[in-house]
Amino acid sequence: MLTVEGLKKTYGSRTVVDGVSMTVAAGRIVGLLGPNGAGKTTTVSMICGLTPADAGEVALNGQRIGGDASPVKCRLGLVPQDLALHEELSARHNLALFGSLYGVNGAALKSRSEEVLALVGLADRADDRPATFSGGMKRRLNIACSLMHDPDVLILDEPTVGVDPQSRNAIFANLETLRDRGKGLIYTTHYMEEVERLADEIVILDHGKVVAEGTLDAVKRRVPQVASLSLLPAAPFDAAFLADLPGVQGTEWRDGRMVVSLASLDAAGSVLNRIAAAGHTVLDIQSGRATLEDVFLALTGRQLRD
């Protein structure tokens, strides 16, 4: 549905987006991740046609998205991180304003307003002002405004910032419904667990480049450690004798526990057998698989980005 090919953007001598490509198919959610300054916002701005690209192309259903007057842009919807609402207008009037900007009028405007209000669970608050809404309700209305013209692709920039768990789950349900209806979605966030729950594919940017892309399982395979054992021994010991075991990627002490990185949990049995044979007692065992956060930090580093 949406194809992004070789986007590039420079400001003076600084390249902020360097050859970014991705695809968003109908009925799929793409999670777009990256540390601060990785180029996510600029990439999204170029996809939407808000920032001209120095090189590359964005096309929707085979039609290139051009400048401000490009009619293809009407098939995109954008949910910005900063709320784009008129606080003193009712929810219904906010929807009417955004719908009319996209040429939705008359009976179609009214029916579409009712449809999106029902989708985001605000039908009973249609005549109330966003100034009286909670943060989560405002976020849901923000999504509703972006849907008034029934776009093919919806781009969401951190849509759950500052909302409570109930509102977050409601937003997730909205997005899953849109996916089931055949919409393509690009979802940017710093919350890894959200991407793990929602995304069908993941794109990780760093320093303006795509450093990983694919399904969650495919991206996880980018790091050597795919599983781990966290052991609480009765007394500390030197774990060097585990290093030559097949499947052991490394060991380290974390907060009084021995963490053994594994290529597969199949190696757990041999690790525990060798520890027991060496005369060490383990009081507690926890196993786990690599998370998306593990992959993200392995690919982009642990250094703070400001």
C-alpha atoms as a PDB file:
ATOM      1  CA  MET A   1       0.000   0.000   0.000  1.00  0.00           C
ATOM      2  CA  LEU A   2       2.635   2.556   1.109  1.00  0.00           C
ATOM      3  CA  THR A   3       6.173   2.326  -0.247  1.00  0.00           C
ATOM      4  CA  VAL A   4       9.091   4.436   0.956  1.00  0.00           C
ATOM      5  CA  GLU A   5      12.261   4.256  -1.135  1.00  0.00           C
ATOM      6  CA  GLY A   6      15.636   5.760  -0.268  1.00  0.00           C
ATOM      7  CA  LEU A   7      14.509   8.849   1.649  1.00  0.00           C
ATOM      8  CA  LYS A   8      17.334  11.224   2.434  1.00  0.00           C
ATOM      9  CA  LYS A   9      17.422  14.579   4.207  1.00  0.00           C
ATOM     10  CA  THR A  10      20.356  16.781   5.127  1.00  0.00           C
ATOM     11  CA  TYR A  11      20.549  20.064   6.996  1.00  0.00           C
ATOM     12  CA  GLY A  12      23.799  21.769   6.119  1.00  0.00           C
ATOM     13  CA  SER A  13      26.552  19.211   6.669  1.00  0.00           C
ATOM     14  CA  ARG A  14      24.372  16.985   8.887  1.00  0.00           C
ATOM     15  CA  THR A  15      22.519  14.037   7.355  1.00  0.00           C
ATOM     16  CA  VAL A  16      19.489  13.246   9.503  1.00  0.00           C
ATOM     17  CA  VAL A  17      17.852  10.636   7.238  1.00  0.00           C
ATOM     18  CA  ASP A  18      20.077   8.510   5.049  1.00  0.00           C
ATOM     19  CA  GLY A  19      18.432   6.137   2.577  1.00  0.00           C
ATOM     20  CA  VAL A  20      15.411   5.015   4.606  1.00  0.00           C
ATOM     21  CA  SER A  21      13.115   2.502   2.891  1.00  0.00           C
ATOM     22  CA  MET A  22      10.095   0.598   4.172  1.00  0.00           C
ATOM     23  CA  THR A  23       6.715  -0.728   3.105  1.00  0.00           C
ATOM     24  CA  VAL A  24       3.345  -0.677   4.851  1.00  0.00           C
ATOM     25  CA  ALA A  25       0.833  -3.220   3.568  1.00  0.00           C
ATOM     26  CA  ALA A  26      -2.936  -3.093   3.988  1.00  0.00           C
ATOM     27  CA  GLY A  27      -4.034  -4.549   7.308  1.00  0.00           C
ATOM     28  CA  ARG A  28      -0.553  -4.326   8.850  1.00  0.00           C
ATOM     29  CA  ILE A  29       1.001  -2.229  11.627  1.00  0.00           C
ATOM     30  CA  VAL A  30       4.632  -1.167  11.278  1.00  0.00           C
ATOM     31  CA  GLY A  31       6.370  -0.132  14.488  1.00  0.00           C
ATOM     32  CA  LEU A  32       8.918   2.630  13.849  1.00  0.00           C
ATOM     33  CA  LEU A  33      11.536   2.808  16.599  1.00  0.00           C
ATOM     34  CA  GLY A  34      14.719   4.734  17.245  1.00  0.00           C
ATOM     35  CA  PRO A  35      16.514   6.727  19.949  1.00  0.00           C
ATOM     36  CA  ASN A  36      16.187  10.500  20.122  1.00  0.00           C
ATOM     37  CA  GLY A  37      17.762  12.063  17.052  1.00  0.00           C
ATOM     38  CA  ALA A  38      17.561   8.865  15.007  1.00  0.00           C
ATOM     39  CA  GLY A  39      15.517  10.515  12.246  1.00  0.00           C
ATOM     40  CA  LYS A  40      12.009   9.219  13.053  1.00  0.00           C
ATOM     41  CA  THR A  41      10.246  12.585  13.058  1.00  0.00           C
ATOM     42  CA  THR A  42      11.928  13.743   9.865  1.00  0.00           C
ATOM     43  CA  THR A  43      11.105  10.436   8.173  1.00  0.00           C
ATOM     44  CA  VAL A  44       7.437  10.728   9.174  1.00  0.00           C
ATOM     45  CA  SER A  45       7.357  14.350   7.987  1.00  0.00           C
ATOM     46  CA  MET A  46       8.725  13.332   4.584  1.00  0.00           C
ATOM     47  CA  ILE A  47       6.250  10.452   4.275  1.00  0.00           C
ATOM     48  CA  CYS A  48       3.404  12.877   4.958  1.00  0.00           C
ATOM     49  CA  GLY A  49       4.746  15.393   2.465  1.00  0.00           C
ATOM     50  CA  LEU A  50       5.290  18.014   5.156  1.00  0.00           C
ATOM     51  CA  THR A  51       9.066  18.086   4.645  1.00  0.00           C
ATOM     52  CA  PRO A  52      10.537  17.797   1.136  1.00  0.00           C
ATOM     53  CA  ALA A  53      13.029  14.968   0.726  1.00  0.00           C
ATOM     54  CA  ASP A  54      16.451  15.631  -0.789  1.00  0.00           C
ATOM     55  CA  ALA A  55      16.262  12.203  -2.425  1.00  0.00           C
ATOM     56  CA  GLY A  56      13.945   9.231  -2.498  1.00  0.00           C
ATOM     57  CA  GLU A  57      10.255   8.724  -3.091  1.00  0.00           C
ATOM     58  CA  VAL A  58       7.039   7.943  -1.227  1.00  0.00           C
ATOM     59  CA  ALA A  59       4.117   6.342  -3.068  1.00  0.00           C
ATOM     60  CA  LEU A  60       0.655   5.253  -1.985  1.00  0.00           C
ATOM     61  CA  ASN A  61      -1.018   2.553  -4.049  1.00  0.00           C
ATOM     62  CA  GLY A  62       1.500   3.236  -6.794  1.00  0.00           C
ATOM     63  CA  GLN A  63       0.915   7.004  -6.865  1.00  0.00           C
ATOM     64  CA  ARG A  64       3.750   9.289  -5.833  1.00  0.00           C
ATOM     65  CA  ILE A  65       3.071  11.611  -2.901  1.00  0.00           C
ATOM     66  CA  GLY A  66       4.164  15.053  -4.015  1.00  0.00           C
ATOM     67  CA  GLY A  67       3.965  18.588  -2.659  1.00  0.00           C
ATOM     68  CA  ASP A  68       1.288  20.464  -0.773  1.00  0.00           C
ATOM     69  CA  ALA A  69      -1.356  20.153  -3.481  1.00  0.00           C
ATOM     70  CA  SER A  70      -0.832  16.420  -4.077  1.00  0.00           C
ATOM     71  CA  PRO A  71      -4.252  14.710  -3.981  1.00  0.00           C
ATOM     72  CA  VAL A  72      -2.609  11.471  -2.868  1.00  0.00           C
ATOM     73  CA  LYS A  73      -1.885  13.063   0.515  1.00  0.00           C
ATOM     74  CA  CYS A  74      -5.622  12.925   1.229  1.00  0.00           C
ATOM     75  CA  ARG A  75      -5.283   9.155   1.582  1.00  0.00           C
ATOM     76  CA  LEU A  76      -2.968   9.609   4.570  1.00  0.00           C
ATOM     77  CA  GLY A  77      -3.999  10.346   8.137  1.00  0.00           C
ATOM     78  CA  LEU A  78      -1.653  11.797  10.766  1.00  0.00           C
ATOM     79  CA  VAL A  79      -2.040  11.610  14.554  1.00  0.00           C
ATOM     80  CA  PRO A  80       0.570  14.054  15.899  1.00  0.00           C
ATOM     81  CA  GLN A  81       2.178  13.671  19.307  1.00  0.00           C
ATOM     82  CA  ASP A  82       1.082  17.196  20.233  1.00  0.00           C
ATOM     83  CA  LEU A  83      -2.694  17.271  20.483  1.00  0.00           C
ATOM     84  CA  ALA A  84      -4.291  19.014  17.494  1.00  0.00           C
ATOM     85  CA  LEU A  85      -7.636  19.942  19.037  1.00  0.00           C
ATOM     86  CA  HIS A  86      -9.647  23.100  19.594  1.00  0.00           C
ATOM     87  CA  GLU A  87     -10.306  22.886  23.319  1.00  0.00           C
ATOM     88  CA  GLU A  88     -13.340  25.200  23.334  1.00  0.00           C
ATOM     89  CA  LEU A  89     -15.182  23.486  20.474  1.00  0.00           C
ATOM     90  CA  SER A  90     -17.234  20.376  21.168  1.00  0.00           C
ATOM     91  CA  ALA A  91     -15.864  17.006  20.117  1.00  0.00           C
ATOM     92  CA  ARG A  92     -18.435  16.930  17.326  1.00  0.00           C
ATOM     93  CA  HIS A  93     -17.397  20.355  16.054  1.00  0.00           C
ATOM     94  CA  ASN A  94     -13.721  19.369  16.147  1.00  0.00           C
ATOM     95  CA  LEU A  95     -14.549  16.419  13.912  1.00  0.00           C
ATOM     96  CA  ALA A  96     -16.612  18.616  11.596  1.00  0.00           C
ATOM     97  CA  LEU A  97     -13.694  21.039  11.242  1.00  0.00           C
ATOM     98  CA  PHE A  98     -11.146  18.354  10.385  1.00  0.00           C
ATOM     99  CA  GLY A  99     -13.562  16.544   8.101  1.00  0.00           C
ATOM    100  CA  SER A 100     -14.376  19.694   6.141  1.00  0.00           C
ATOM    101  CA  LEU A 101     -10.671  20.409   5.666  1.00  0.00           C
ATOM    102  CA  TYR A 102     -10.534  17.116   3.763  1.00  0.00           C
ATOM    103  CA  GLY A 103     -13.671  17.893   1.742  1.00  0.00           C
ATOM    104  CA  VAL A 104     -16.118  15.785   3.745  1.00  0.00           C
ATOM    105  CA  ASN A 105     -19.446  17.618   3.862  1.00  0.00           C
ATOM    106  CA  GLY A 106     -23.191  17.268   4.356  1.00  0.00           C
ATOM    107  CA  ALA A 107     -24.679  13.918   5.305  1.00  0.00           C
ATOM    108  CA  ALA A 108     -21.312  12.191   4.839  1.00  0.00           C
ATOM    109  CA  LEU A 109     -19.731  14.502   7.421  1.00  0.00           C
ATOM    110  CA  LYS A 110     -22.428  13.734   9.976  1.00  0.00           C
ATOM    111  CA  SER A 111     -22.367   9.956   9.453  1.00  0.00           C
ATOM    112  CA  ARG A 112     -18.584   9.849   9.509  1.00  0.00           C
ATOM    113  CA  SER A 113     -18.501  11.843  12.755  1.00  0.00           C
ATOM    114  CA  GLU A 114     -20.856   9.367  14.409  1.00  0.00           C
ATOM    115  CA  GLU A 115     -18.819   6.436  13.131  1.00  0.00           C
ATOM    116  CA  VAL A 116     -15.463   7.629  14.445  1.00  0.00           C
ATOM    117  CA  LEU A 117     -16.940   8.761  17.762  1.00  0.00           C
ATOM    118  CA  ALA A 118     -18.312   5.265  18.254  1.00  0.00           C
ATOM    119  CA  LEU A 119     -14.984   3.727  17.269  1.00  0.00           C
ATOM    120  CA  VAL A 120     -13.019   5.652  19.915  1.00  0.00           C
ATOM    121  CA  GLY A 121     -15.719   5.313  22.594  1.00  0.00           C
ATOM    122  CA  LEU A 122     -16.712   8.982  22.776  1.00  0.00           C
ATOM    123  CA  ALA A 123     -20.239   8.887  21.345  1.00  0.00           C
ATOM    124  CA  ASP A 124     -21.703   9.881  24.721  1.00  0.00           C
ATOM    125  CA  ARG A 125     -19.366  12.908  24.951  1.00  0.00           C
ATOM    126  CA  ALA A 126     -19.900  14.226  21.420  1.00  0.00           C
ATOM    127  CA  ASP A 127     -21.275  17.583  22.592  1.00  0.00           C
ATOM    128  CA  ASP A 128     -18.706  18.150  25.339  1.00  0.00           C
ATOM    129  CA  ARG A 129     -15.570  20.254  24.944  1.00  0.00           C
ATOM    130  CA  PRO A 130     -12.112  18.633  24.967  1.00  0.00           C
ATOM    131  CA  ALA A 131     -11.222  21.127  27.722  1.00  0.00           C
ATOM    132  CA  THR A 132     -13.337  18.922  30.009  1.00  0.00           C
ATOM    133  CA  PHE A 133     -11.766  15.637  28.813  1.00  0.00           C
ATOM    134  CA  SER A 134      -9.115  13.512  30.474  1.00  0.00           C
ATOM    135  CA  GLY A 135      -5.766  13.090  28.740  1.00  0.00           C
ATOM    136  CA  GLY A 136      -6.769   9.681  27.414  1.00  0.00           C
ATOM    137  CA  MET A 137     -10.046  10.993  25.996  1.00  0.00           C
ATOM    138  CA  LYS A 138      -8.187  13.794  24.220  1.00  0.00           C
ATOM    139  CA  ARG A 139      -5.810  11.253  22.698  1.00  0.00           C
ATOM    140  CA  ARG A 140      -8.742   9.188  21.430  1.00  0.00           C
ATOM    141  CA  LEU A 141     -10.424  12.281  19.968  1.00  0.00           C
ATOM    142  CA  ASN A 142      -7.114  13.171  18.307  1.00  0.00           C
ATOM    143  CA  ILE A 143      -7.214   9.768  16.586  1.00  0.00           C
ATOM    144  CA  ALA A 144     -10.851  10.278  15.604  1.00  0.00           C
ATOM    145  CA  CYS A 145     -10.015  13.600  13.903  1.00  0.00           C
ATOM    146  CA  SER A 146      -7.363  11.883  11.773  1.00  0.00           C
ATOM    147  CA  LEU A 147      -9.942   9.328  10.578  1.00  0.00           C
ATOM    148  CA  MET A 148     -12.623  11.727   9.347  1.00  0.00           C
ATOM    149  CA  HIS A 149     -11.555  11.378   5.696  1.00  0.00           C
ATOM    150  CA  ASP A 150     -11.251   7.563   5.969  1.00  0.00           C
ATOM    151  CA  PRO A 151      -7.526   7.392   5.084  1.00  0.00           C
ATOM    152  CA  ASP A 152      -5.854   4.263   3.707  1.00  0.00           C
ATOM    153  CA  VAL A 153      -2.746   4.725   5.885  1.00  0.00           C
ATOM    154  CA  LEU A 154      -2.659   6.168   9.391  1.00  0.00           C
ATOM    155  CA  ILE A 155       0.575   7.497  10.907  1.00  0.00           C
ATOM    156  CA  LEU A 156       0.639   7.786  14.695  1.00  0.00           C
ATOM    157  CA  ASP A 157       3.397   9.651  16.524  1.00  0.00           C
ATOM    158  CA  GLU A 158       3.528   8.435  20.147  1.00  0.00           C
ATOM    159  CA  PRO A 159      -0.270   8.372  20.581  1.00  0.00           C
ATOM    160  CA  THR A 160      -0.224   7.060  24.177  1.00  0.00           C
ATOM    161  CA  VAL A 161       2.042   9.645  25.812  1.00  0.00           C
ATOM    162  CA  GLY A 162       0.751  10.556  29.255  1.00  0.00           C
ATOM    163  CA  VAL A 163      -2.348   8.334  29.298  1.00  0.00           C
ATOM    164  CA  ASP A 164      -3.511   5.844  31.925  1.00  0.00           C
ATOM    165  CA  PRO A 165      -3.466   2.056  31.341  1.00  0.00           C
ATOM    166  CA  GLN A 166      -7.206   1.907  30.615  1.00  0.00           C
ATOM    167  CA  SER A 167      -6.953   4.596  27.937  1.00  0.00           C
ATOM    168  CA  ARG A 168      -3.864   2.923  26.498  1.00  0.00           C
ATOM    169  CA  ASN A 169      -5.727  -0.365  26.140  1.00  0.00           C
ATOM    170  CA  ALA A 170      -8.668   1.455  24.541  1.00  0.00           C
ATOM    171  CA  ILE A 171      -6.313   3.038  21.995  1.00  0.00           C
ATOM    172  CA  PHE A 172      -4.758  -0.373  21.279  1.00  0.00           C
ATOM    173  CA  ALA A 173      -8.236  -1.790  20.647  1.00  0.00           C
ATOM    174  CA  ASN A 174      -8.985   1.105  18.254  1.00  0.00           C
ATOM    175  CA  LEU A 175      -5.802   0.462  16.276  1.00  0.00           C
ATOM    176  CA  GLU A 176      -6.392  -3.279  16.107  1.00  0.00           C
ATOM    177  CA  THR A 177      -9.895  -2.592  14.765  1.00  0.00           C
ATOM    178  CA  LEU A 178      -8.466  -0.308  12.076  1.00  0.00           C
ATOM    179  CA  ARG A 179      -5.935  -2.989  11.118  1.00  0.00           C
ATOM    180  CA  ASP A 180      -8.733  -5.547  10.864  1.00  0.00           C
ATOM    181  CA  ARG A 181     -10.556  -3.144   8.534  1.00  0.00           C
ATOM    182  CA  GLY A 182      -7.578  -3.152   6.177  1.00  0.00           C
ATOM    183  CA  LYS A 183      -5.868   0.078   7.152  1.00  0.00           C
ATOM    184  CA  GLY A 184      -2.083   0.321   7.079  1.00  0.00           C
ATOM    185  CA  LEU A 185      -0.547   1.932  10.165  1.00  0.00           C
ATOM    186  CA  ILE A 186       2.852   3.370  11.084  1.00  0.00           C
ATOM    187  CA  TYR A 187       3.260   3.517  14.863  1.00  0.00           C
ATOM    188  CA  THR A 188       6.121   5.442  16.473  1.00  0.00           C
ATOM    189  CA  THR A 189       6.742   5.101  20.199  1.00  0.00           C
ATOM    190  CA  HIS A 190       9.417   4.730  22.864  1.00  0.00           C
ATOM    191  CA  TYR A 191       7.384   2.032  24.636  1.00  0.00           C
ATOM    192  CA  MET A 192       8.821  -1.277  23.460  1.00  0.00           C
ATOM    193  CA  GLU A 193       6.015  -3.347  24.963  1.00  0.00           C
ATOM    194  CA  GLU A 194       3.509  -1.472  22.802  1.00  0.00           C
ATOM    195  CA  VAL A 195       5.353  -2.413  19.633  1.00  0.00           C
ATOM    196  CA  GLU A 196       5.697  -6.025  20.798  1.00  0.00           C
ATOM    197  CA  ARG A 197       1.928  -6.174  21.260  1.00  0.00           C
ATOM    198  CA  LEU A 198       0.787  -4.270  18.177  1.00  0.00           C
ATOM    199  CA  ALA A 199       3.330  -4.376  15.375  1.00  0.00           C
ATOM    200  CA  ASP A 200       3.318  -6.910  12.554  1.00  0.00           C
ATOM    201  CA  GLU A 201       6.657  -5.552  11.361  1.00  0.00           C
ATOM    202  CA  ILE A 202       9.334  -3.420  13.015  1.00  0.00           C
ATOM    203  CA  VAL A 203      11.729  -0.832  11.590  1.00  0.00           C
ATOM    204  CA  ILE A 204      14.549   0.442  13.837  1.00  0.00           C
ATOM    205  CA  LEU A 205      16.344   3.645  12.854  1.00  0.00           C
ATOM    206  CA  ASP A 206      19.656   4.879  14.193  1.00  0.00           C
ATOM    207  CA  HIS A 207      21.702   7.823  12.942  1.00  0.00           C
ATOM    208  CA  GLY A 208      19.279   8.206  10.044  1.00  0.00           C
ATOM    209  CA  LYS A 209      19.652   4.635   8.760  1.00  0.00           C
ATOM    210  CA  VAL A 210      17.553   1.491   9.026  1.00  0.00           C
ATOM    211  CA  VAL A 211      19.547  -0.854  11.277  1.00  0.00           C
ATOM    212  CA  ALA A 212      16.930  -3.614  11.520  1.00  0.00           C
ATOM    213  CA  GLU A 213      13.575  -4.454   9.974  1.00  0.00           C
ATOM    214  CA  GLY A 214      11.210  -7.389   9.774  1.00  0.00           C
ATOM    215  CA  THR A 215       8.904  -9.309  12.079  1.00  0.00           C
ATOM    216  CA  LEU A 216       9.539  -9.320  15.820  1.00  0.00           C
ATOM    217  CA  ASP A 217      11.096 -12.783  15.653  1.00  0.00           C
ATOM    218  CA  ALA A 218      13.304 -11.794  12.719  1.00  0.00           C
ATOM    219  CA  VAL A 219      14.524  -8.655  14.490  1.00  0.00           C
ATOM    220  CA  LYS A 220      15.237 -10.579  17.687  1.00  0.00           C
ATOM    221  CA  ARG A 221      17.502 -12.898  15.734  1.00  0.00           C
ATOM    222  CA  ARG A 222      19.773  -9.911  15.082  1.00  0.00           C
ATOM    223  CA  VAL A 223      21.338 -10.303  18.536  1.00  0.00           C
ATOM    224  CA  PRO A 224      23.310 -13.375  19.673  1.00  0.00           C
ATOM    225  CA  GLN A 225      21.454 -13.694  22.976  1.00  0.00           C
ATOM    226  CA  VAL A 226      17.937 -14.993  22.435  1.00  0.00           C
ATOM    227  CA  ALA A 227      17.439 -16.383  25.953  1.00  0.00           C
ATOM    228  CA  SER A 228      18.874 -16.098  29.448  1.00  0.00           C
ATOM    229  CA  LEU A 229      19.027 -17.780  32.833  1.00  0.00           C
ATOM    230  CA  SER A 230      19.015 -15.639  35.959  1.00  0.00           C
ATOM    231  CA  LEU A 231      20.377 -17.629  38.910  1.00  0.00           C
ATOM    232  CA  LEU A 232      20.488 -16.813  42.615  1.00  0.00           C
ATOM    233  CA  PRO A 233      23.318 -18.904  44.127  1.00  0.00           C
ATOM    234  CA  ALA A 234      23.732 -19.657  47.815  1.00  0.00           C
ATOM    235  CA  ALA A 235      27.192 -18.070  47.525  1.00  0.00           C
ATOM    236  CA  PRO A 236      28.963 -16.156  44.715  1.00  0.00           C
ATOM    237  CA  PHE A 237      31.206 -18.148  42.385  1.00  0.00           C
ATOM    238  CA  ASP A 238      33.424 -17.618  39.368  1.00  0.00           C
ATOM    239  CA  ALA A 239      31.389 -18.658  36.302  1.00  0.00           C
ATOM    240  CA  ALA A 240      34.377 -19.059  33.980  1.00  0.00           C
ATOM    241  CA  PHE A 241      33.831 -22.831  33.957  1.00  0.00           C
ATOM    242  CA  LEU A 242      30.589 -22.282  31.993  1.00  0.00           C
ATOM    243  CA  ALA A 243      32.247 -20.458  29.089  1.00  0.00           C
ATOM    244  CA  ASP A 244      32.992 -23.542  26.958  1.00  0.00           C
ATOM    245  CA  LEU A 245      29.467 -24.979  27.132  1.00  0.00           C
ATOM    246  CA  PRO A 246      27.669 -25.086  23.762  1.00  0.00           C
ATOM    247  CA  GLY A 247      25.067 -22.324  23.538  1.00  0.00           C
ATOM    248  CA  VAL A 248      26.523 -20.123  26.308  1.00  0.00           C
ATOM    249  CA  GLN A 249      27.056 -16.587  24.986  1.00  0.00           C
ATOM    250  CA  GLY A 250      28.327 -14.989  28.177  1.00  0.00           C
ATOM    251  CA  THR A 251      27.881 -14.529  31.922  1.00  0.00           C
ATOM    252  CA  GLU A 252      27.668 -11.538  34.233  1.00  0.00           C
ATOM    253  CA  TRP A 253      26.631 -10.659  37.752  1.00  0.00           C
ATOM    254  CA  ARG A 254      23.628  -8.336  38.082  1.00  0.00           C
ATOM    255  CA  ASP A 255      22.310  -7.312  41.501  1.00  0.00           C
ATOM    256  CA  GLY A 256      23.589 -10.437  43.201  1.00  0.00           C
ATOM    257  CA  ARG A 257      22.360 -12.832  40.496  1.00  0.00           C
ATOM    258  CA  MET A 258      24.337 -14.714  37.875  1.00  0.00           C
ATOM    259  CA  VAL A 259      22.851 -14.025  34.413  1.00  0.00           C
ATOM    260  CA  VAL A 260      23.823 -16.521  31.707  1.00  0.00           C
ATOM    261  CA  SER A 261      23.151 -15.430  28.126  1.00  0.00           C
ATOM    262  CA  LEU A 262      22.146 -18.314  25.880  1.00  0.00           C
ATOM    263  CA  ALA A 263      21.741 -18.917  22.166  1.00  0.00           C
ATOM    264  CA  SER A 264      18.761 -21.115  23.099  1.00  0.00           C
ATOM    265  CA  LEU A 265      16.992 -22.245  26.248  1.00  0.00           C
ATOM    266  CA  ASP A 266      17.936 -25.785  25.158  1.00  0.00           C
ATOM    267  CA  ALA A 267      21.334 -25.061  26.753  1.00  0.00           C
ATOM    268  CA  ALA A 268      19.814 -24.392  30.185  1.00  0.00           C
ATOM    269  CA  GLY A 269      19.995 -28.018  31.307  1.00  0.00           C
ATOM    270  CA  SER A 270      23.726 -28.365  30.695  1.00  0.00           C
ATOM    271  CA  VAL A 271      24.390 -25.077  32.488  1.00  0.00           C
ATOM    272  CA  LEU A 272      22.523 -26.195  35.606  1.00  0.00           C
ATOM    273  CA  ASN A 273      24.153 -29.649  35.527  1.00  0.00           C
ATOM    274  CA  ARG A 274      27.648 -28.173  35.387  1.00  0.00           C
ATOM    275  CA  ILE A 275      26.913 -25.756  38.234  1.00  0.00           C
ATOM    276  CA  ALA A 276      25.644 -28.631  40.371  1.00  0.00           C
ATOM    277  CA  ALA A 277      28.659 -30.819  39.466  1.00  0.00           C
ATOM    278  CA  ALA A 278      30.931 -27.979  40.608  1.00  0.00           C
ATOM    279  CA  GLY A 279      29.293 -28.134  44.034  1.00  0.00           C
ATOM    280  CA  HIS A 280      27.348 -24.872  43.863  1.00  0.00           C
ATOM    281  CA  THR A 281      23.793 -24.534  45.147  1.00  0.00           C
ATOM    282  CA  VAL A 282      21.231 -22.436  43.266  1.00  0.00           C
ATOM    283  CA  LEU A 283      18.340 -21.067  45.355  1.00  0.00           C
ATOM    284  CA  ASP A 284      16.258 -19.554  42.562  1.00  0.00           C
ATOM    285  CA  ILE A 285      16.120 -19.891  38.769  1.00  0.00           C
ATOM    286  CA  GLN A 286      14.409 -17.570  36.290  1.00  0.00           C
ATOM    287  CA  SER A 287      14.462 -17.996  32.536  1.00  0.00           C
ATOM    288  CA  GLY A 288      13.551 -15.513  29.842  1.00  0.00           C
ATOM    289  CA  ARG A 289      13.817 -14.708  26.169  1.00  0.00           C
ATOM    290  CA  ALA A 290      15.358 -11.639  24.616  1.00  0.00           C
ATOM    291  CA  THR A 291      12.939  -8.734  24.545  1.00  0.00           C
ATOM    292  CA  LEU A 292      12.606  -6.052  21.904  1.00  0.00           C
ATOM    293  CA  GLU A 293      14.298  -3.693  24.359  1.00  0.00           C
ATOM    294  CA  ASP A 294      17.314  -6.035  24.471  1.00  0.00           C
ATOM    295  CA  VAL A 295      17.501  -5.931  20.671  1.00  0.00           C
ATOM    296  CA  PHE A 296      17.008  -2.159  20.561  1.00  0.00           C
ATOM    297  CA  LEU A 297      19.829  -1.489  23.040  1.00  0.00           C
ATOM    298  CA  ALA A 298      22.130  -3.992  21.335  1.00  0.00           C
ATOM    299  CA  LEU A 299      21.651  -2.250  17.972  1.00  0.00           C
ATOM    300  CA  THR A 300      21.568   1.394  19.072  1.00  0.00           C
ATOM    301  CA  GLY A 301      23.723   1.313  22.214  1.00  0.00           C
ATOM    302  CA  ARG A 302      23.074   2.279  25.818  1.00  0.00           C
ATOM    303  CA  GLN A 303      24.458   5.805  25.640  1.00  0.00           C
ATOM    304  CA  LEU A 304      21.981   8.567  26.495  1.00  0.00           C
ATOM    305  CA  ARG A 305      20.653  10.577  23.538  1.00  0.00           C
ATOM    306  CA  ASP A 306      19.521  14.170  24.065  1.00  0.00           C
END
